[in-house]
Amino acid sequence: MGESLTVKVSSGGRIVIPRVARERLGISPGDRLLVDVRGETLVLMRLPDSFAERLSGPYREVWDGVDVDAYIAEEREAWDDE
């Protein structure tokens, strides 16, 4: 596990991500983060600019010719229908 950092939650529910964490993860103003609640744990992940670029690499041929961003949006819409 990485270095532990402490933050304080404001009355409005806001937190400040420490500079060292922002630098290490390449988080800049305007970036979007995914907030994932896993039991008693809160996980923040930087969203990629493009899911297609994020999925390129191993098994790249699986996604050739597929608009990955559209595919993900379609899957999310299906989840809302459930």
C-alpha atoms as a PDB file:
ATOM      1  CA  MET A   1       0.000   0.000   0.000  1.00  0.00           C
ATOM      2  CA  GLY A   2       1.137   3.559  -0.652  1.00  0.00           C
ATOM      3  CA  GLU A   3       1.804   6.503   1.602  1.00  0.00           C
ATOM      4  CA  SER A   4      -1.113   7.441   3.896  1.00  0.00           C
ATOM      5  CA  LEU A   5      -2.234  11.059   3.900  1.00  0.00           C
ATOM      6  CA  THR A   6      -4.832  12.744   6.088  1.00  0.00           C
ATOM      7  CA  VAL A   7      -7.437  15.251   4.867  1.00  0.00           C
ATOM      8  CA  LYS A   8     -10.269  17.058   6.624  1.00  0.00           C
ATOM      9  CA  VAL A   9     -13.838  17.137   5.309  1.00  0.00           C
ATOM     10  CA  SER A  10     -15.320  20.654   5.182  1.00  0.00           C
ATOM     11  CA  SER A  11     -18.858  21.463   6.328  1.00  0.00           C
ATOM     12  CA  GLY A  12     -19.842  21.360   2.639  1.00  0.00           C
ATOM     13  CA  GLY A  13     -18.453  17.831   2.263  1.00  0.00           C
ATOM     14  CA  ARG A  14     -15.364  18.931   0.336  1.00  0.00           C
ATOM     15  CA  ILE A  15     -11.833  17.630   0.730  1.00  0.00           C
ATOM     16  CA  VAL A  16      -8.531  18.888  -0.633  1.00  0.00           C
ATOM     17  CA  ILE A  17      -6.382  16.255  -2.316  1.00  0.00           C
ATOM     18  CA  PRO A  18      -2.835  16.770  -1.029  1.00  0.00           C
ATOM     19  CA  ARG A  19      -0.328  18.132  -3.543  1.00  0.00           C
ATOM     20  CA  VAL A  20       1.909  15.063  -3.343  1.00  0.00           C
ATOM     21  CA  ALA A  21      -1.038  12.822  -4.279  1.00  0.00           C
ATOM     22  CA  ARG A  22      -2.110  15.127  -7.139  1.00  0.00           C
ATOM     23  CA  GLU A  23       1.424  15.220  -8.514  1.00  0.00           C
ATOM     24  CA  ARG A  24       1.925  11.467  -8.223  1.00  0.00           C
ATOM     25  CA  LEU A  25      -1.347  10.753 -10.039  1.00  0.00           C
ATOM     26  CA  GLY A  26      -1.104  13.610 -12.528  1.00  0.00           C
ATOM     27  CA  ILE A  27      -4.338  15.237 -11.321  1.00  0.00           C
ATOM     28  CA  SER A  28      -4.829  18.778 -12.611  1.00  0.00           C
ATOM     29  CA  PRO A  29      -7.579  21.372 -12.104  1.00  0.00           C
ATOM     30  CA  GLY A  30     -10.612  20.375 -14.149  1.00  0.00           C
ATOM     31  CA  ASP A  31      -9.798  16.641 -14.165  1.00  0.00           C
ATOM     32  CA  ARG A  32     -12.701  14.344 -13.343  1.00  0.00           C
ATOM     33  CA  LEU A  33     -12.417  11.704 -10.640  1.00  0.00           C
ATOM     34  CA  LEU A  34     -14.424   8.554 -10.128  1.00  0.00           C
ATOM     35  CA  VAL A  35     -15.596   8.097  -6.529  1.00  0.00           C
ATOM     36  CA  ASP A  36     -16.036   4.436  -5.590  1.00  0.00           C
ATOM     37  CA  VAL A  37     -17.358   3.309  -2.198  1.00  0.00           C
ATOM     38  CA  ARG A  38     -16.065  -0.130  -1.261  1.00  0.00           C
ATOM     39  CA  GLY A  39     -17.487  -1.095   2.099  1.00  0.00           C
ATOM     40  CA  GLU A  40     -15.930   1.334   4.580  1.00  0.00           C
ATOM     41  CA  THR A  41     -13.375   2.548   2.004  1.00  0.00           C
ATOM     42  CA  LEU A  42     -13.617   5.518  -0.355  1.00  0.00           C
ATOM     43  CA  VAL A  43     -11.530   5.199  -3.532  1.00  0.00           C
ATOM     44  CA  LEU A  44     -10.807   8.129  -5.863  1.00  0.00           C
ATOM     45  CA  MET A  45      -9.552   7.375  -9.383  1.00  0.00           C
ATOM     46  CA  ARG A  46      -8.627   9.813 -12.123  1.00  0.00           C
ATOM     47  CA  LEU A  47     -10.772   9.231 -15.185  1.00  0.00           C
ATOM     48  CA  PRO A  48      -8.827   8.946 -18.434  1.00  0.00           C
ATOM     49  CA  ASP A  49      -9.361  11.519 -21.176  1.00  0.00           C
ATOM     50  CA  SER A  50     -10.410   8.626 -23.394  1.00  0.00           C
ATOM     51  CA  PHE A  51     -11.399   5.130 -22.360  1.00  0.00           C
ATOM     52  CA  ALA A  52     -10.310   3.982 -25.826  1.00  0.00           C
ATOM     53  CA  GLU A  53      -6.746   5.120 -25.169  1.00  0.00           C
ATOM     54  CA  ARG A  54      -6.867   3.579 -21.685  1.00  0.00           C
ATOM     55  CA  LEU A  55      -7.867   0.214 -23.148  1.00  0.00           C
ATOM     56  CA  SER A  56      -5.204   0.245 -25.845  1.00  0.00           C
ATOM     57  CA  GLY A  57      -2.277  -2.057 -25.195  1.00  0.00           C
ATOM     58  CA  PRO A  58      -2.719  -5.692 -24.162  1.00  0.00           C
ATOM     59  CA  TYR A  59      -5.636  -7.269 -26.030  1.00  0.00           C
ATOM     60  CA  ARG A  60      -5.832  -4.203 -28.240  1.00  0.00           C
ATOM     61  CA  GLU A  61      -7.199  -6.314 -31.112  1.00  0.00           C
ATOM     62  CA  VAL A  62     -10.352  -7.028 -29.090  1.00  0.00           C
ATOM     63  CA  TRP A  63     -11.300  -3.347 -29.311  1.00  0.00           C
ATOM     64  CA  ASP A  64     -10.177  -2.637 -32.908  1.00  0.00           C
ATOM     65  CA  GLY A  65     -12.983  -0.879 -34.753  1.00  0.00           C
ATOM     66  CA  VAL A  66     -15.075  -0.445 -31.602  1.00  0.00           C
ATOM     67  CA  ASP A  67     -15.985   3.010 -30.300  1.00  0.00           C
ATOM     68  CA  VAL A  68     -15.162   2.157 -26.686  1.00  0.00           C
ATOM     69  CA  ASP A  69     -16.578   5.401 -25.256  1.00  0.00           C
ATOM     70  CA  ALA A  70     -19.915   4.733 -27.013  1.00  0.00           C
ATOM     71  CA  TYR A  71     -19.859   1.115 -25.825  1.00  0.00           C
ATOM     72  CA  ILE A  72     -19.341   2.174 -22.214  1.00  0.00           C
ATOM     73  CA  ALA A  73     -22.109   4.798 -22.456  1.00  0.00           C
ATOM     74  CA  GLU A  74     -24.453   2.138 -23.857  1.00  0.00           C
ATOM     75  CA  GLU A  75     -23.613  -0.239 -21.011  1.00  0.00           C
ATOM     76  CA  ARG A  76     -24.238   2.466 -18.415  1.00  0.00           C
ATOM     77  CA  GLU A  77     -27.630   3.249 -19.956  1.00  0.00           C
ATOM     78  CA  ALA A  78     -28.496  -0.454 -19.681  1.00  0.00           C
ATOM     79  CA  TRP A  79     -27.633  -0.392 -15.970  1.00  0.00           C
ATOM     80  CA  ASP A  80     -30.073   2.520 -15.470  1.00  0.00           C
ATOM     81  CA  ASP A  81     -32.856   0.401 -17.006  1.00  0.00           C
ATOM     82  CA  GLU A  82     -32.473  -2.303 -14.359  1.00  0.00           C
END
